């Protein structure tokens, strides 16, 4: 599970066994988790985050979308 970004206690990472899915990132903070698609940025699924937190996370994903996509393609080829 390579961590590709950390912001304000949020950890952005990939699972190494998901190469056949479209580009996405997992985000954890505490016991909460979320999966977000990168093309286009969208909420996939999650648990523990409140709606306003999900919106804030998606905004962070959108801001960092290009380096996250680059990391995805570098890792998965």
PDB file of N, CA and C in Angstrom:
ATOM      1  N   UNK A   1       0.832  -1.180   0.000  1.00  0.00           N
ATOM      2  CA  UNK A   1       0.000   0.000   0.000  1.00  0.00           C
ATOM      3  C   UNK A   1       0.879   1.247   0.000  1.00  0.00           C
ATOM      4  N   UNK A   2       1.303   1.688  -1.155  1.00  0.00           N
ATOM      5  CA  UNK A   2       2.153   2.876  -1.178  1.00  0.00           C
ATOM      6  C   UNK A   2       1.372   4.151  -0.837  1.00  0.00           C
ATOM      7  N   UNK A   3       1.883   4.877   0.149  1.00  0.00           N
ATOM      8  CA  UNK A   3       1.320   6.185   0.486  1.00  0.00           C
ATOM      9  C   UNK A   3       1.903   7.195  -0.489  1.00  0.00           C
ATOM     10  N   UNK A   4       1.039   7.972  -1.131  1.00  0.00           N
ATOM     11  CA  UNK A   4       1.502   8.925  -2.134  1.00  0.00           C
ATOM     12  C   UNK A   4       1.368  10.374  -1.687  1.00  0.00           C
ATOM     13  N   UNK A   5       0.609  10.617  -0.595  1.00  0.00           N
ATOM     14  CA  UNK A   5       0.395  11.992  -0.145  1.00  0.00           C
ATOM     15  C   UNK A   5      -0.138  11.970   1.276  1.00  0.00           C
ATOM     16  N   UNK A   6       0.275  12.954   2.056  1.00  0.00           N
ATOM     17  CA  UNK A   6      -0.276  13.168   3.398  1.00  0.00           C
ATOM     18  C   UNK A   6      -0.603  14.651   3.535  1.00  0.00           C
ATOM     19  N   UNK A   7      -1.843  14.935   3.957  1.00  0.00           N
ATOM     20  CA  UNK A   7      -2.274  16.319   4.157  1.00  0.00           C
ATOM     21  C   UNK A   7      -3.142  16.372   5.406  1.00  0.00           C
ATOM     22  N   UNK A   8      -2.755  17.190   6.376  1.00  0.00           N
ATOM     23  CA  UNK A   8      -3.575  17.435   7.568  1.00  0.00           C
ATOM     24  C   UNK A   8      -4.112  16.156   8.215  1.00  0.00           C
ATOM     25  N   UNK A   9      -3.292  15.141   8.315  1.00  0.00           N
ATOM     26  CA  UNK A   9      -3.700  13.886   8.940  1.00  0.00           C
ATOM     27  C   UNK A   9      -4.382  12.906   8.004  1.00  0.00           C
ATOM     28  N   UNK A  10      -4.643  13.298   6.764  1.00  0.00           N
ATOM     29  CA  UNK A  10      -5.223  12.400   5.772  1.00  0.00           C
ATOM     30  C   UNK A  10      -4.092  11.668   5.047  1.00  0.00           C
ATOM     31  N   UNK A  11      -4.263  10.368   4.874  1.00  0.00           N
ATOM     32  CA  UNK A  11      -3.281   9.575   4.132  1.00  0.00           C
ATOM     33  C   UNK A  11      -3.911   9.142   2.818  1.00  0.00           C
ATOM     34  N   UNK A  12      -3.255   9.470   1.708  1.00  0.00           N
ATOM     35  CA  UNK A  12      -3.704   9.122   0.365  1.00  0.00           C
ATOM     36  C   UNK A  12      -2.809   7.980  -0.118  1.00  0.00           C
ATOM     37  N   UNK A  13      -3.420   6.888  -0.554  1.00  0.00           N
ATOM     38  CA  UNK A  13      -2.619   5.716  -0.914  1.00  0.00           C
ATOM     39  C   UNK A  13      -3.339   4.856  -1.941  1.00  0.00           C
ATOM     40  N   UNK A  14      -2.603   3.885  -2.496  1.00  0.00           N
ATOM     41  CA  UNK A  14      -3.137   2.889  -3.416  1.00  0.00           C
ATOM     42  C   UNK A  14      -3.012   1.520  -2.765  1.00  0.00           C
ATOM     43  N   UNK A  15      -3.925   0.636  -3.103  1.00  0.00           N
ATOM     44  CA  UNK A  15      -3.751  -0.783  -2.804  1.00  0.00           C
ATOM     45  C   UNK A  15      -3.018  -1.397  -3.980  1.00  0.00           C
ATOM     46  N   UNK A  16      -2.014  -2.190  -3.720  1.00  0.00           N
ATOM     47  CA  UNK A  16      -1.200  -2.743  -4.806  1.00  0.00           C
ATOM     48  C   UNK A  16      -1.924  -3.817  -5.599  1.00  0.00           C
ATOM     49  N   UNK A  17      -3.032  -4.345  -5.112  1.00  0.00           N
ATOM     50  CA  UNK A  17      -3.735  -5.424  -5.806  1.00  0.00           C
ATOM     51  C   UNK A  17      -4.969  -4.936  -6.583  1.00  0.00           C
ATOM     52  N   UNK A  18      -5.007  -3.669  -6.992  1.00  0.00           N
ATOM     53  CA  UNK A  18      -6.149  -3.130  -7.728  1.00  0.00           C
ATOM     54  C   UNK A  18      -5.753  -2.541  -9.095  1.00  0.00           C
ATOM     55  N   UNK A  19      -4.874  -3.184  -9.844  1.00  0.00           N
ATOM     56  CA  UNK A  19      -4.415  -2.580 -11.103  1.00  0.00           C
ATOM     57  C   UNK A  19      -5.452  -2.595 -12.217  1.00  0.00           C
ATOM     58  N   UNK A  20      -6.493  -3.398 -12.102  1.00  0.00           N
ATOM     59  CA  UNK A  20      -7.476  -3.506 -13.173  1.00  0.00           C
ATOM     60  C   UNK A  20      -8.644  -2.537 -13.020  1.00  0.00           C
ATOM     61  N   UNK A  21      -8.628  -1.720 -11.992  1.00  0.00           N
ATOM     62  CA  UNK A  21      -9.667  -0.714 -11.799  1.00  0.00           C
ATOM     63  C   UNK A  21      -9.208   0.604 -12.411  1.00  0.00           C
ATOM     64  N   UNK A  22     -10.152   1.493 -12.705  1.00  0.00           N
ATOM     65  CA  UNK A  22      -9.753   2.827 -13.169  1.00  0.00           C
ATOM     66  C   UNK A  22      -8.924   3.532 -12.090  1.00  0.00           C
ATOM     67  N   UNK A  23      -8.141   4.537 -12.475  1.00  0.00           N
ATOM     68  CA  UNK A  23      -7.324   5.249 -11.494  1.00  0.00           C
ATOM     69  C   UNK A  23      -8.169   5.795 -10.339  1.00  0.00           C
ATOM     70  N   UNK A  24      -7.713   5.518  -9.127  1.00  0.00           N
ATOM     71  CA  UNK A  24      -8.399   5.975  -7.932  1.00  0.00           C
ATOM     72  C   UNK A  24      -7.408   6.048  -6.786  1.00  0.00           C
ATOM     73  N   UNK A  25      -7.843   6.646  -5.705  1.00  0.00           N
ATOM     74  CA  UNK A  25      -7.010   6.772  -4.517  1.00  0.00           C
ATOM     75  C   UNK A  25      -7.876   6.467  -3.298  1.00  0.00           C
ATOM     76  N   UNK A  26      -7.254   5.874  -2.296  1.00  0.00           N
ATOM     77  CA  UNK A  26      -7.906   5.646  -1.004  1.00  0.00           C
ATOM     78  C   UNK A  26      -7.414   6.721  -0.052  1.00  0.00           C
ATOM     79  N   UNK A  27      -8.298   7.170   0.824  1.00  0.00           N
ATOM     80  CA  UNK A  27      -7.957   8.222   1.784  1.00  0.00           C
ATOM     81  C   UNK A  27      -8.442   7.771   3.153  1.00  0.00           C
ATOM     82  N   UNK A  28      -7.541   7.786   4.135  1.00  0.00           N
ATOM     83  CA  UNK A  28      -7.880   7.417   5.508  1.00  0.00           C
ATOM     84  C   UNK A  28      -7.531   8.547   6.455  1.00  0.00           C
ATOM     85  N   UNK A  29      -8.306   8.643   7.510  1.00  0.00           N
ATOM     86  CA  UNK A  29      -7.978   9.485   8.656  1.00  0.00           C
ATOM     87  C   UNK A  29      -8.679   8.862   9.848  1.00  0.00           C
ATOM     88  N   UNK A  30      -7.884   8.481  10.841  1.00  0.00           N
ATOM     89  CA  UNK A  30      -8.457   7.772  11.983  1.00  0.00           C
ATOM     90  C   UNK A  30      -9.098   6.477  11.520  1.00  0.00           C
ATOM     91  N   UNK A  31     -10.330   6.257  11.925  1.00  0.00           N
ATOM     92  CA  UNK A  31     -11.062   5.047  11.561  1.00  0.00           C
ATOM     93  C   UNK A  31     -11.875   5.216  10.277  1.00  0.00           C
ATOM     94  N   UNK A  32     -11.862   6.385   9.683  1.00  0.00           N
ATOM     95  CA  UNK A  32     -12.661   6.670   8.490  1.00  0.00           C
ATOM     96  C   UNK A  32     -11.859   6.390   7.221  1.00  0.00           C
ATOM     97  N   UNK A  33     -12.558   5.988   6.173  1.00  0.00           N
ATOM     98  CA  UNK A  33     -11.910   5.656   4.910  1.00  0.00           C
ATOM     99  C   UNK A  33     -12.796   6.063   3.741  1.00  0.00           C
ATOM    100  N   UNK A  34     -12.152   6.314   2.613  1.00  0.00           N
ATOM    101  CA  UNK A  34     -12.865   6.756   1.423  1.00  0.00           C
ATOM    102  C   UNK A  34     -12.088   6.312   0.200  1.00  0.00           C
ATOM    103  N   UNK A  35     -12.801   6.033  -0.877  1.00  0.00           N
ATOM    104  CA  UNK A  35     -12.202   5.727  -2.170  1.00  0.00           C
ATOM    105  C   UNK A  35     -12.723   6.762  -3.151  1.00  0.00           C
ATOM    106  N   UNK A  36     -11.810   7.382  -3.907  1.00  0.00           N
ATOM    107  CA  UNK A  36     -12.197   8.410  -4.875  1.00  0.00           C
ATOM    108  C   UNK A  36     -11.607   8.092  -6.235  1.00  0.00           C
ATOM    109  N   UNK A  37     -12.443   8.201  -7.258  1.00  0.00           N
ATOM    110  CA  UNK A  37     -11.974   8.067  -8.634  1.00  0.00           C
ATOM    111  C   UNK A  37     -11.189   9.312  -9.006  1.00  0.00           C
ATOM    112  N   UNK A  38     -10.216   9.164  -9.906  1.00  0.00           N
ATOM    113  CA  UNK A  38      -9.376  10.289 -10.320  1.00  0.00           C
ATOM    114  C   UNK A  38      -9.751  10.847 -11.690  1.00  0.00           C
ATOM    115  N   UNK A  39     -10.459  10.091 -12.514  1.00  0.00           N
ATOM    116  CA  UNK A  39     -10.818  10.542 -13.868  1.00  0.00           C
ATOM    117  C   UNK A  39     -12.279  10.244 -14.157  1.00  0.00           C
ATOM    118  N   UNK A  40     -13.197  11.123 -13.926  1.00  0.00           N
ATOM    119  CA  UNK A  40     -13.056  12.406 -13.240  1.00  0.00           C
ATOM    120  C   UNK A  40     -13.067  12.193 -11.733  1.00  0.00           C
ATOM    121  N   UNK A  41     -12.701  13.216 -11.002  1.00  0.00           N
ATOM    122  CA  UNK A  41     -12.709  13.125  -9.535  1.00  0.00           C
ATOM    123  C   UNK A  41     -14.149  12.920  -9.077  1.00  0.00           C
ATOM    124  N   UNK A  42     -14.362  11.826  -8.345  1.00  0.00           N
ATOM    125  CA  UNK A  42     -15.705  11.501  -7.868  1.00  0.00           C
ATOM    126  C   UNK A  42     -15.604  10.549  -6.680  1.00  0.00           C
ATOM    127  N   UNK A  43     -16.597  10.604  -5.831  1.00  0.00           N
ATOM    128  CA  UNK A  43     -16.701   9.714  -4.683  1.00  0.00           C
ATOM    129  C   UNK A  43     -17.082   8.320  -5.166  1.00  0.00           C
ATOM    130  N   UNK A  44     -16.330   7.306  -4.753  1.00  0.00           N
ATOM    131  CA  UNK A  44     -16.647   5.925  -5.105  1.00  0.00           C
ATOM    132  C   UNK A  44     -17.381   5.235  -3.962  1.00  0.00           C
ATOM    133  N   UNK A  45     -16.772   5.246  -2.772  1.00  0.00           N
ATOM    134  CA  UNK A  45     -17.381   4.645  -1.591  1.00  0.00           C
ATOM    135  C   UNK A  45     -16.574   5.043  -0.367  1.00  0.00           C
ATOM    136  N   UNK A  46     -17.124   4.760   0.789  1.00  0.00           N
ATOM    137  CA  UNK A  46     -16.398   5.070   2.007  1.00  0.00           C
ATOM    138  C   UNK A  46     -17.246   4.837   3.233  1.00  0.00           C
ATOM    139  N   UNK A  47     -16.624   5.047   4.379  1.00  0.00           N
ATOM    140  CA  UNK A  47     -17.343   4.934   5.643  1.00  0.00           C
ATOM    141  C   UNK A  47     -16.662   5.807   6.685  1.00  0.00           C
ATOM    142  N   UNK A  48     -17.476   6.377   7.533  1.00  0.00           N
ATOM    143  CA  UNK A  48     -16.968   7.142   8.662  1.00  0.00           C
ATOM    144  C   UNK A  48     -16.853   8.631   8.455  1.00  0.00           C
ATOM    145  N   UNK A  49     -16.735   9.080   7.231  1.00  0.00           N
ATOM    146  CA  UNK A  49     -16.640  10.515   6.968  1.00  0.00           C
ATOM    147  C   UNK A  49     -18.038  11.108   6.837  1.00  0.00           C
ATOM    148  N   UNK A  50     -18.208  12.317   7.333  1.00  0.00           N
ATOM    149  CA  UNK A  50     -19.463  13.045   7.193  1.00  0.00           C
ATOM    150  C   UNK A  50     -19.490  13.712   5.820  1.00  0.00           C
ATOM    151  N   UNK A  51     -20.678  14.073   5.327  1.00  0.00           N
ATOM    152  CA  UNK A  51     -20.775  14.644   3.977  1.00  0.00           C
ATOM    153  C   UNK A  51     -19.859  15.841   3.728  1.00  0.00           C
ATOM    154  N   UNK A  52     -19.740  16.743   4.697  1.00  0.00           N
ATOM    155  CA  UNK A  52     -18.860  17.901   4.465  1.00  0.00           C
ATOM    156  C   UNK A  52     -17.390  17.484   4.417  1.00  0.00           C
ATOM    157  N   UNK A  53     -17.030  16.420   5.143  1.00  0.00           N
ATOM    158  CA  UNK A  53     -15.662  15.917   5.087  1.00  0.00           C
ATOM    159  C   UNK A  53     -15.390  15.266   3.727  1.00  0.00           C
ATOM    160  N   UNK A  54     -16.372  14.548   3.206  1.00  0.00           N
ATOM    161  CA  UNK A  54     -16.224  13.929   1.890  1.00  0.00           C
ATOM    162  C   UNK A  54     -15.989  15.009   0.839  1.00  0.00           C
ATOM    163  N   UNK A  55     -16.772  16.072   0.901  1.00  0.00           N
ATOM    164  CA  UNK A  55     -16.592  17.176  -0.047  1.00  0.00           C
ATOM    165  C   UNK A  55     -15.209  17.797   0.065  1.00  0.00           C
ATOM    166  N   UNK A  56     -14.718  17.966   1.287  1.00  0.00           N
ATOM    167  CA  UNK A  56     -13.382  18.542   1.487  1.00  0.00           C
ATOM    168  C   UNK A  56     -12.298  17.604   0.951  1.00  0.00           C
ATOM    169  N   UNK A  57     -12.471  16.305   1.150  1.00  0.00           N
ATOM    170  CA  UNK A  57     -11.496  15.335   0.639  1.00  0.00           C
ATOM    171  C   UNK A  57     -11.501  15.345  -0.883  1.00  0.00           C
ATOM    172  N   UNK A  58     -12.677  15.357  -1.490  1.00  0.00           N
ATOM    173  CA  UNK A  58     -12.750  15.404  -2.947  1.00  0.00           C
ATOM    174  C   UNK A  58     -12.110  16.676  -3.492  1.00  0.00           C
ATOM    175  N   UNK A  59     -12.232  17.768  -2.765  1.00  0.00           N
ATOM    176  CA  UNK A  59     -11.567  19.011  -3.180  1.00  0.00           C
ATOM    177  C   UNK A  59     -10.048  18.847  -3.120  1.00  0.00           C
ATOM    178  N   UNK A  60      -9.541  18.175  -2.074  1.00  0.00           N
ATOM    179  CA  UNK A  60      -8.099  17.929  -1.975  1.00  0.00           C
ATOM    180  C   UNK A  60      -7.643  17.018  -3.114  1.00  0.00           C
ATOM    181  N   UNK A  61      -8.435  15.994  -3.422  1.00  0.00           N
ATOM    182  CA  UNK A  61      -8.100  15.092  -4.519  1.00  0.00           C
ATOM    183  C   UNK A  61      -8.050  15.879  -5.824  1.00  0.00           C
ATOM    184  N   UNK A  62      -9.010  16.773  -6.031  1.00  0.00           N
ATOM    185  CA  UNK A  62      -9.037  17.569  -7.266  1.00  0.00           C
ATOM    186  C   UNK A  62      -7.803  18.465  -7.372  1.00  0.00           C
ATOM    187  N   UNK A  63      -7.407  19.081  -6.280  1.00  0.00           N
ATOM    188  CA  UNK A  63      -6.224  19.954  -6.289  1.00  0.00           C
ATOM    189  C   UNK A  63      -4.965  19.160  -6.629  1.00  0.00           C
ATOM    190  N   UNK A  64      -4.871  17.939  -6.135  1.00  0.00           N
ATOM    191  CA  UNK A  64      -3.667  17.107  -6.307  1.00  0.00           C
ATOM    192  C   UNK A  64      -3.864  16.022  -7.360  1.00  0.00           C
ATOM    193  N   UNK A  65      -4.871  16.159  -8.189  1.00  0.00           N
ATOM    194  CA  UNK A  65      -5.231  15.138  -9.162  1.00  0.00           C
ATOM    195  C   UNK A  65      -4.074  14.767 -10.099  1.00  0.00           C
ATOM    196  N   UNK A  66      -3.379  15.742 -10.641  1.00  0.00           N
ATOM    197  CA  UNK A  66      -2.303  15.451 -11.601  1.00  0.00           C
ATOM    198  C   UNK A  66      -1.192  14.623 -10.962  1.00  0.00           C
ATOM    199  N   UNK A  67      -0.630  15.027  -9.816  1.00  0.00           N
ATOM    200  CA  UNK A  67       0.411  14.169  -9.228  1.00  0.00           C
ATOM    201  C   UNK A  67      -0.122  12.811  -8.763  1.00  0.00           C
ATOM    202  N   UNK A  68      -1.389  12.752  -8.347  1.00  0.00           N
ATOM    203  CA  UNK A  68      -1.957  11.461  -7.965  1.00  0.00           C
ATOM    204  C   UNK A  68      -2.070  10.546  -9.177  1.00  0.00           C
ATOM    205  N   UNK A  69      -2.517  11.088 -10.307  1.00  0.00           N
ATOM    206  CA  UNK A  69      -2.582  10.300 -11.545  1.00  0.00           C
ATOM    207  C   UNK A  69      -1.193   9.861 -11.998  1.00  0.00           C
ATOM    208  N   UNK A  70      -0.223  10.756 -11.901  1.00  0.00           N
ATOM    209  CA  UNK A  70       1.148  10.394 -12.270  1.00  0.00           C
ATOM    210  C   UNK A  70       1.656   9.257 -11.403  1.00  0.00           C
ATOM    211  N   UNK A  71       1.385   9.333 -10.096  1.00  0.00           N
ATOM    212  CA  UNK A  71       1.817   8.268  -9.184  1.00  0.00           C
ATOM    213  C   UNK A  71       1.107   6.957  -9.514  1.00  0.00           C
ATOM    214  N   UNK A  72      -0.189   7.040  -9.834  1.00  0.00           N
ATOM    215  CA  UNK A  72      -0.951   5.840 -10.219  1.00  0.00           C
ATOM    216  C   UNK A  72      -0.306   5.166 -11.433  1.00  0.00           C
ATOM    217  N   UNK A  73      -0.076   5.947 -12.490  1.00  0.00           N
ATOM    218  CA  UNK A  73       0.464   5.376 -13.721  1.00  0.00           C
ATOM    219  C   UNK A  73       1.908   4.899 -13.538  1.00  0.00           C
ATOM    220  N   UNK A  74       2.654   5.566 -12.709  1.00  0.00           N
ATOM    221  CA  UNK A  74       4.026   5.116 -12.425  1.00  0.00           C
ATOM    222  C   UNK A  74       4.006   3.785 -11.680  1.00  0.00           C
ATOM    223  N   UNK A  75       3.102   3.654 -10.739  1.00  0.00           N
ATOM    224  CA  UNK A  75       3.045   2.448  -9.922  1.00  0.00           C
ATOM    225  C   UNK A  75       2.472   1.265 -10.700  1.00  0.00           C
ATOM    226  N   UNK A  76       1.355   1.495 -11.412  1.00  0.00           N
ATOM    227  CA  UNK A  76       0.671   0.395 -12.074  1.00  0.00           C
ATOM    228  C   UNK A  76       1.080   0.212 -13.537  1.00  0.00           C
ATOM    229  N   UNK A  77       1.802   1.193 -14.089  1.00  0.00           N
ATOM    230  CA  UNK A  77       2.306   1.046 -15.441  1.00  0.00           C
ATOM    231  C   UNK A  77       1.367   1.422 -16.539  1.00  0.00           C
TER     232      UNK A  77
END
